[in-house]
Amino acid sequence: MDGIEIRPIREDEFPAILALVCVAFGEGATEEDAKAYRAGFPFDRSLCAFEEGRLVASSGVLSMELTLPGGSVVPMG
């Protein structure tokens, strides 16, 4: 794929990933939403595609925990 750079997104590029997510899910983000999303965003576990320096696609693994009946907690993601 000529001209497509695949790499993790950097923290300074967060506004681009936030804009892409808003378009993908058809929702806007308040400043509070953006802060919460950034706090949990897996920069080290993201993989993004850039064309001519512009973010055009993304993927990532979101870490989560699941509480099972009985109160045990297991990692997810």
PDB file of N, CA and C in Angstrom:
ATOM      1  N   MET A   1       0.844  -1.189   0.000  1.00  0.00           N
ATOM      2  CA  MET A   1       0.000   0.000   0.000  1.00  0.00           C
ATOM      3  C   MET A   1       0.881   1.241   0.000  1.00  0.00           C
ATOM      4  N   ASP A   2       1.173   1.754  -1.136  1.00  0.00           N
ATOM      5  CA  ASP A   2       1.985   2.955  -1.239  1.00  0.00           C
ATOM      6  C   ASP A   2       1.283   4.139  -0.591  1.00  0.00           C
ATOM      7  N   GLY A   3       2.046   4.904   0.165  1.00  0.00           N
ATOM      8  CA  GLY A   3       1.510   6.118   0.749  1.00  0.00           C
ATOM      9  C   GLY A   3       0.710   5.923   2.015  1.00  0.00           C
ATOM     10  N   ILE A   4       0.526   4.684   2.474  1.00  0.00           N
ATOM     11  CA  ILE A   4      -0.210   4.429   3.710  1.00  0.00           C
ATOM     12  C   ILE A   4       0.803   4.059   4.788  1.00  0.00           C
ATOM     13  N   GLU A   5       0.798   4.812   5.865  1.00  0.00           N
ATOM     14  CA  GLU A   5       1.682   4.531   6.995  1.00  0.00           C
ATOM     15  C   GLU A   5       0.849   3.882   8.096  1.00  0.00           C
ATOM     16  N   ILE A   6       1.276   2.724   8.596  1.00  0.00           N
ATOM     17  CA  ILE A   6       0.582   2.012   9.664  1.00  0.00           C
ATOM     18  C   ILE A   6       1.449   2.093  10.916  1.00  0.00           C
ATOM     19  N   ARG A   7       0.869   2.629  11.997  1.00  0.00           N
ATOM     20  CA  ARG A   7       1.616   2.759  13.249  1.00  0.00           C
ATOM     21  C   ARG A   7       0.655   3.103  14.383  1.00  0.00           C
ATOM     22  N   PRO A   8       1.119   2.971  15.633  1.00  0.00           N
ATOM     23  CA  PRO A   8       0.301   3.431  16.758  1.00  0.00           C
ATOM     24  C   PRO A   8       0.131   4.948  16.689  1.00  0.00           C
ATOM     25  N   ILE A   9      -0.955   5.429  17.220  1.00  0.00           N
ATOM     26  CA  ILE A   9      -1.181   6.873  17.255  1.00  0.00           C
ATOM     27  C   ILE A   9      -0.426   7.462  18.442  1.00  0.00           C
ATOM     28  N   ARG A  10       0.074   8.664  18.276  1.00  0.00           N
ATOM     29  CA  ARG A  10       0.790   9.350  19.355  1.00  0.00           C
ATOM     30  C   ARG A  10      -0.204  10.179  20.167  1.00  0.00           C
ATOM     31  N   GLU A  11       0.173  10.449  21.404  1.00  0.00           N
ATOM     32  CA  GLU A  11      -0.718  11.217  22.277  1.00  0.00           C
ATOM     33  C   GLU A  11      -1.023  12.601  21.711  1.00  0.00           C
ATOM     34  N   ASP A  12      -0.062  13.210  21.019  1.00  0.00           N
ATOM     35  CA  ASP A  12      -0.306  14.542  20.461  1.00  0.00           C
ATOM     36  C   ASP A  12      -1.289  14.504  19.284  1.00  0.00           C
ATOM     37  N   GLU A  13      -1.601  13.298  18.791  1.00  0.00           N
ATOM     38  CA  GLU A  13      -2.550  13.142  17.686  1.00  0.00           C
ATOM     39  C   GLU A  13      -3.954  12.788  18.183  1.00  0.00           C
ATOM     40  N   PHE A  14      -4.168  12.861  19.493  1.00  0.00           N
ATOM     41  CA  PHE A  14      -5.460  12.482  20.052  1.00  0.00           C
ATOM     42  C   PHE A  14      -6.641  13.212  19.405  1.00  0.00           C
ATOM     43  N   PRO A  15      -6.571  14.516  19.129  1.00  0.00           N
ATOM     44  CA  PRO A  15      -7.718  15.169  18.491  1.00  0.00           C
ATOM     45  C   PRO A  15      -8.152  14.480  17.191  1.00  0.00           C
ATOM     46  N   ALA A  16      -7.205  13.941  16.436  1.00  0.00           N
ATOM     47  CA  ALA A  16      -7.549  13.258  15.180  1.00  0.00           C
ATOM     48  C   ALA A  16      -8.309  11.966  15.445  1.00  0.00           C
ATOM     49  N   ILE A  17      -7.887  11.186  16.444  1.00  0.00           N
ATOM     50  CA  ILE A  17      -8.580   9.931  16.737  1.00  0.00           C
ATOM     51  C   ILE A  17      -9.953  10.222  17.321  1.00  0.00           C
ATOM     52  N   LEU A  18     -10.071  11.261  18.133  1.00  0.00           N
ATOM     53  CA  LEU A  18     -11.372  11.633  18.690  1.00  0.00           C
ATOM     54  C   LEU A  18     -12.331  12.027  17.567  1.00  0.00           C
ATOM     55  N   ALA A  19     -11.865  12.816  16.610  1.00  0.00           N
ATOM     56  CA  ALA A  19     -12.709  13.217  15.479  1.00  0.00           C
ATOM     57  C   ALA A  19     -13.138  12.004  14.663  1.00  0.00           C
ATOM     58  N   LEU A  20     -12.219  11.063  14.439  1.00  0.00           N
ATOM     59  CA  LEU A  20     -12.539   9.856  13.675  1.00  0.00           C
ATOM     60  C   LEU A  20     -13.588   9.016  14.391  1.00  0.00           C
ATOM     61  N   VAL A  21     -13.453   8.859  15.701  1.00  0.00           N
ATOM     62  CA  VAL A  21     -14.422   8.085  16.486  1.00  0.00           C
ATOM     63  C   VAL A  21     -15.791   8.757  16.455  1.00  0.00           C
ATOM     64  N   CYS A  22     -15.828  10.068  16.550  1.00  0.00           N
ATOM     65  CA  CYS A  22     -17.105  10.796  16.502  1.00  0.00           C
ATOM     66  C   CYS A  22     -17.802  10.584  15.161  1.00  0.00           C
ATOM     67  N   VAL A  23     -17.062  10.617  14.075  1.00  0.00           N
ATOM     68  CA  VAL A  23     -17.644  10.370  12.751  1.00  0.00           C
ATOM     69  C   VAL A  23     -18.125   8.930  12.651  1.00  0.00           C
ATOM     70  N   ALA A  24     -17.306   7.988  13.117  1.00  0.00           N
ATOM     71  CA  ALA A  24     -17.648   6.565  13.013  1.00  0.00           C
ATOM     72  C   ALA A  24     -18.923   6.222  13.773  1.00  0.00           C
ATOM     73  N   PHE A  25     -19.118   6.831  14.932  1.00  0.00           N
ATOM     74  CA  PHE A  25     -20.280   6.509  15.750  1.00  0.00           C
ATOM     75  C   PHE A  25     -21.399   7.542  15.634  1.00  0.00           C
ATOM     76  N   GLY A  26     -21.204   8.555  14.796  1.00  0.00           N
ATOM     77  CA  GLY A  26     -22.257   9.530  14.547  1.00  0.00           C
ATOM     78  C   GLY A  26     -22.618  10.377  15.752  1.00  0.00           C
ATOM     79  N   GLU A  27     -21.646  10.632  16.612  1.00  0.00           N
ATOM     80  CA  GLU A  27     -21.891  11.431  17.808  1.00  0.00           C
ATOM     81  C   GLU A  27     -20.789  12.465  17.972  1.00  0.00           C
ATOM     82  N   GLY A  28     -21.124  13.531  18.658  1.00  0.00           N
ATOM     83  CA  GLY A  28     -20.118  14.512  19.008  1.00  0.00           C
ATOM     84  C   GLY A  28     -19.542  14.169  20.369  1.00  0.00           C
ATOM     85  N   ALA A  29     -18.555  14.914  20.807  1.00  0.00           N
ATOM     86  CA  ALA A  29     -17.958  14.687  22.119  1.00  0.00           C
ATOM     87  C   ALA A  29     -17.818  16.016  22.842  1.00  0.00           C
ATOM     88  N   THR A  30     -18.326  16.054  24.065  1.00  0.00           N
ATOM     89  CA  THR A  30     -18.126  17.234  24.894  1.00  0.00           C
ATOM     90  C   THR A  30     -16.685  17.228  25.390  1.00  0.00           C
ATOM     91  N   GLU A  31     -16.263  18.318  25.988  1.00  0.00           N
ATOM     92  CA  GLU A  31     -14.910  18.376  26.544  1.00  0.00           C
ATOM     93  C   GLU A  31     -14.742  17.306  27.628  1.00  0.00           C
ATOM     94  N   GLU A  32     -15.795  17.098  28.404  1.00  0.00           N
ATOM     95  CA  GLU A  32     -15.768  16.062  29.451  1.00  0.00           C
ATOM     96  C   GLU A  32     -15.632  14.664  28.834  1.00  0.00           C
ATOM     97  N   ASP A  33     -16.391  14.410  27.757  1.00  0.00           N
ATOM     98  CA  ASP A  33     -16.281  13.123  27.044  1.00  0.00           C
ATOM     99  C   ASP A  33     -14.856  12.910  26.541  1.00  0.00           C
ATOM    100  N   ALA A  34     -14.291  13.947  25.949  1.00  0.00           N
ATOM    101  CA  ALA A  34     -12.945  13.852  25.380  1.00  0.00           C
ATOM    102  C   ALA A  34     -11.913  13.538  26.459  1.00  0.00           C
ATOM    103  N   LYS A  35     -12.029  14.182  27.617  1.00  0.00           N
ATOM    104  CA  LYS A  35     -11.090  13.919  28.712  1.00  0.00           C
ATOM    105  C   LYS A  35     -11.203  12.478  29.193  1.00  0.00           C
ATOM    106  N   ALA A  36     -12.428  11.984  29.341  1.00  0.00           N
ATOM    107  CA  ALA A  36     -12.636  10.608  29.803  1.00  0.00           C
ATOM    108  C   ALA A  36     -12.116   9.606  28.774  1.00  0.00           C
ATOM    109  N   TYR A  37     -12.383   9.855  27.492  1.00  0.00           N
ATOM    110  CA  TYR A  37     -11.932   8.945  26.438  1.00  0.00           C
ATOM    111  C   TYR A  37     -10.404   8.924  26.366  1.00  0.00           C
ATOM    112  N   ARG A  38      -9.808  10.098  26.475  1.00  0.00           N
ATOM    113  CA  ARG A  38      -8.343  10.190  26.419  1.00  0.00           C
ATOM    114  C   ARG A  38      -7.704   9.449  27.595  1.00  0.00           C
ATOM    115  N   ALA A  39      -8.298   9.578  28.778  1.00  0.00           N
ATOM    116  CA  ALA A  39      -7.744   8.940  29.979  1.00  0.00           C
ATOM    117  C   ALA A  39      -7.689   7.421  29.838  1.00  0.00           C
ATOM    118  N   GLY A  40      -8.639   6.841  29.115  1.00  0.00           N
ATOM    119  CA  GLY A  40      -8.669   5.393  28.958  1.00  0.00           C
ATOM    120  C   GLY A  40      -8.211   4.892  27.607  1.00  0.00           C
ATOM    121  N   PHE A  41      -7.754   5.795  26.739  1.00  0.00           N
ATOM    122  CA  PHE A  41      -7.391   5.375  25.387  1.00  0.00           C
ATOM    123  C   PHE A  41      -6.087   4.583  25.389  1.00  0.00           C
ATOM    124  N   PRO A  42      -6.053   3.441  24.705  1.00  0.00           N
ATOM    125  CA  PRO A  42      -4.863   2.588  24.695  1.00  0.00           C
ATOM    126  C   PRO A  42      -3.839   3.003  23.629  1.00  0.00           C
ATOM    127  N   PHE A  43      -3.164   4.126  23.837  1.00  0.00           N
ATOM    128  CA  PHE A  43      -2.204   4.605  22.838  1.00  0.00           C
ATOM    129  C   PHE A  43      -1.205   3.513  22.465  1.00  0.00           C
ATOM    130  N   ASP A  44      -0.763   2.745  23.450  1.00  0.00           N
ATOM    131  CA  ASP A  44       0.242   1.711  23.195  1.00  0.00           C
ATOM    132  C   ASP A  44      -0.339   0.472  22.519  1.00  0.00           C
ATOM    133  N   ARG A  45      -1.673   0.364  22.473  1.00  0.00           N
ATOM    134  CA  ARG A  45      -2.301  -0.801  21.838  1.00  0.00           C
ATOM    135  C   ARG A  45      -3.208  -0.380  20.682  1.00  0.00           C
ATOM    136  N   SER A  46      -2.883   0.747  20.074  1.00  0.00           N
ATOM    137  CA  SER A  46      -3.635   1.206  18.904  1.00  0.00           C
ATOM    138  C   SER A  46      -2.823   0.927  17.646  1.00  0.00           C
ATOM    139  N   LEU A  47      -3.510   0.835  16.552  1.00  0.00           N
ATOM    140  CA  LEU A  47      -2.855   0.712  15.255  1.00  0.00           C
ATOM    141  C   LEU A  47      -3.677   1.548  14.287  1.00  0.00           C
ATOM    142  N   CYS A  48      -3.041   2.521  13.671  1.00  0.00           N
ATOM    143  CA  CYS A  48      -3.757   3.467  12.826  1.00  0.00           C
ATOM    144  C   CYS A  48      -3.121   3.556  11.444  1.00  0.00           C
ATOM    145  N   ALA A  49      -3.940   3.955  10.491  1.00  0.00           N
ATOM    146  CA  ALA A  49      -3.474   4.151   9.120  1.00  0.00           C
ATOM    147  C   ALA A  49      -3.502   5.646   8.811  1.00  0.00           C
ATOM    148  N   PHE A  50      -2.408   6.122   8.260  1.00  0.00           N
ATOM    149  CA  PHE A  50      -2.279   7.524   7.885  1.00  0.00           C
ATOM    150  C   PHE A  50      -1.978   7.604   6.397  1.00  0.00           C
ATOM    151  N   GLU A  51      -2.688   8.483   5.716  1.00  0.00           N
ATOM    152  CA  GLU A  51      -2.435   8.734   4.303  1.00  0.00           C
ATOM    153  C   GLU A  51      -2.074  10.201   4.157  1.00  0.00           C
ATOM    154  N   GLU A  52      -0.875  10.447   3.660  1.00  0.00           N
ATOM    155  CA  GLU A  52      -0.365  11.811   3.517  1.00  0.00           C
ATOM    156  C   GLU A  52      -0.469  12.570   4.836  1.00  0.00           C
ATOM    157  N   GLY A  53      -0.164  11.869   5.946  1.00  0.00           N
ATOM    158  CA  GLY A  53      -0.176  12.489   7.263  1.00  0.00           C
ATOM    159  C   GLY A  53      -1.537  12.606   7.917  1.00  0.00           C
ATOM    160  N   ARG A  54      -2.589  12.190   7.217  1.00  0.00           N
ATOM    161  CA  ARG A  54      -3.958  12.309   7.736  1.00  0.00           C
ATOM    162  C   ARG A  54      -4.441  10.954   8.231  1.00  0.00           C
ATOM    163  N   LEU A  55      -5.007  10.915   9.436  1.00  0.00           N
ATOM    164  CA  LEU A  55      -5.554   9.687   9.994  1.00  0.00           C
ATOM    165  C   LEU A  55      -6.774   9.265   9.190  1.00  0.00           C
ATOM    166  N   VAL A  56      -6.749   8.033   8.677  1.00  0.00           N
ATOM    167  CA  VAL A  56      -7.864   7.557   7.850  1.00  0.00           C
ATOM    168  C   VAL A  56      -8.509   6.285   8.386  1.00  0.00           C
ATOM    169  N   ALA A  57      -7.861   5.603   9.332  1.00  0.00           N
ATOM    170  CA  ALA A  57      -8.440   4.388   9.914  1.00  0.00           C
ATOM    171  C   ALA A  57      -7.746   4.095  11.237  1.00  0.00           C
ATOM    172  N   SER A  58      -8.470   3.390  12.110  1.00  0.00           N
ATOM    173  CA  SER A  58      -7.873   3.054  13.401  1.00  0.00           C
ATOM    174  C   SER A  58      -8.409   1.737  13.929  1.00  0.00           C
ATOM    175  N   SER A  59      -7.631   1.159  14.815  1.00  0.00           N
ATOM    176  CA  SER A  59      -8.072  -0.002  15.583  1.00  0.00           C
ATOM    177  C   SER A  59      -7.369   0.076  16.926  1.00  0.00           C
ATOM    178  N   GLY A  60      -7.928  -0.618  17.901  1.00  0.00           N
ATOM    179  CA  GLY A  60      -7.313  -0.615  19.220  1.00  0.00           C
ATOM    180  C   GLY A  60      -7.955  -1.664  20.095  1.00  0.00           C
ATOM    181  N   VAL A  61      -7.293  -1.952  21.173  1.00  0.00           N
ATOM    182  CA  VAL A  61      -7.802  -2.907  22.148  1.00  0.00           C
ATOM    183  C   VAL A  61      -8.121  -2.129  23.414  1.00  0.00           C
ATOM    184  N   LEU A  62      -9.365  -2.190  23.844  1.00  0.00           N
ATOM    185  CA  LEU A  62      -9.775  -1.494  25.056  1.00  0.00           C
ATOM    186  C   LEU A  62      -9.775  -2.469  26.220  1.00  0.00           C
ATOM    187  N   SER A  63      -9.041  -2.147  27.271  1.00  0.00           N
ATOM    188  CA  SER A  63      -9.005  -2.998  28.456  1.00  0.00           C
ATOM    189  C   SER A  63     -10.243  -2.739  29.303  1.00  0.00           C
ATOM    190  N   MET A  64     -10.836  -3.800  29.774  1.00  0.00           N
ATOM    191  CA  MET A  64     -12.039  -3.695  30.602  1.00  0.00           C
ATOM    192  C   MET A  64     -12.005  -4.790  31.652  1.00  0.00           C
ATOM    193  N   GLU A  65     -12.840  -4.647  32.664  1.00  0.00           N
ATOM    194  CA  GLU A  65     -13.027  -5.693  33.650  1.00  0.00           C
ATOM    195  C   GLU A  65     -14.487  -6.078  33.656  1.00  0.00           C
ATOM    196  N   LEU A  66     -14.744  -7.325  33.940  1.00  0.00           N
ATOM    197  CA  LEU A  66     -16.098  -7.852  33.994  1.00  0.00           C
ATOM    198  C   LEU A  66     -16.298  -8.464  35.369  1.00  0.00           C
ATOM    199  N   THR A  67     -17.361  -8.052  36.055  1.00  0.00           N
ATOM    200  CA  THR A  67     -17.682  -8.632  37.351  1.00  0.00           C
ATOM    201  C   THR A  67     -18.691  -9.742  37.146  1.00  0.00           C
ATOM    202  N   LEU A  68     -18.332 -10.920  37.596  1.00  0.00           N
ATOM    203  CA  LEU A  68     -19.181 -12.101  37.446  1.00  0.00           C
ATOM    204  C   LEU A  68     -20.068 -12.278  38.671  1.00  0.00           C
ATOM    205  N   PRO A  69     -21.161 -13.024  38.530  1.00  0.00           N
ATOM    206  CA  PRO A  69     -21.976 -13.323  39.706  1.00  0.00           C
ATOM    207  C   PRO A  69     -21.084 -13.921  40.802  1.00  0.00           C
ATOM    208  N   GLY A  70     -21.273 -13.450  41.992  1.00  0.00           N
ATOM    209  CA  GLY A  70     -20.423 -13.893  43.091  1.00  0.00           C
ATOM    210  C   GLY A  70     -19.328 -12.887  43.399  1.00  0.00           C
ATOM    211  N   GLY A  71     -19.175 -11.881  42.534  1.00  0.00           N
ATOM    212  CA  GLY A  71     -18.250 -10.792  42.804  1.00  0.00           C
ATOM    213  C   GLY A  71     -16.849 -10.939  42.268  1.00  0.00           C
ATOM    214  N   SER A  72     -16.521 -12.042  41.601  1.00  0.00           N
ATOM    215  CA  SER A  72     -15.163 -12.150  41.062  1.00  0.00           C
ATOM    216  C   SER A  72     -15.024 -11.253  39.834  1.00  0.00           C
ATOM    217  N   VAL A  73     -13.836 -10.693  39.690  1.00  0.00           N
ATOM    218  CA  VAL A  73     -13.549  -9.766  38.592  1.00  0.00           C
ATOM    219  C   VAL A  73     -12.535 -10.428  37.664  1.00  0.00           C
ATOM    220  N   VAL A  74     -12.816 -10.384  36.356  1.00  0.00           N
ATOM    221  CA  VAL A  74     -11.899 -10.949  35.368  1.00  0.00           C
ATOM    222  C   VAL A  74     -11.543  -9.877  34.343  1.00  0.00           C
ATOM    223  N   PRO A  75     -10.291  -9.862  33.872  1.00  0.00           N
ATOM    224  CA  PRO A  75      -9.912  -8.891  32.839  1.00  0.00           C
ATOM    225  C   PRO A  75     -10.543  -9.264  31.502  1.00  0.00           C
ATOM    226  N   MET A  76     -10.874  -8.249  30.727  1.00  0.00           N
ATOM    227  CA  MET A  76     -11.441  -8.433  29.385  1.00  0.00           C
ATOM    228  C   MET A  76     -10.653  -7.549  28.433  1.00  0.00           C
ATOM    229  N   GLY A  77     -10.640  -7.898  27.155  1.00  0.00           N
ATOM    230  CA  GLY A  77     -10.035  -7.042  26.136  1.00  0.00           C
ATOM    231  C   GLY A  77      -8.667  -7.357  25.853  1.00  0.00           C
TER     232      GLY A  77
END
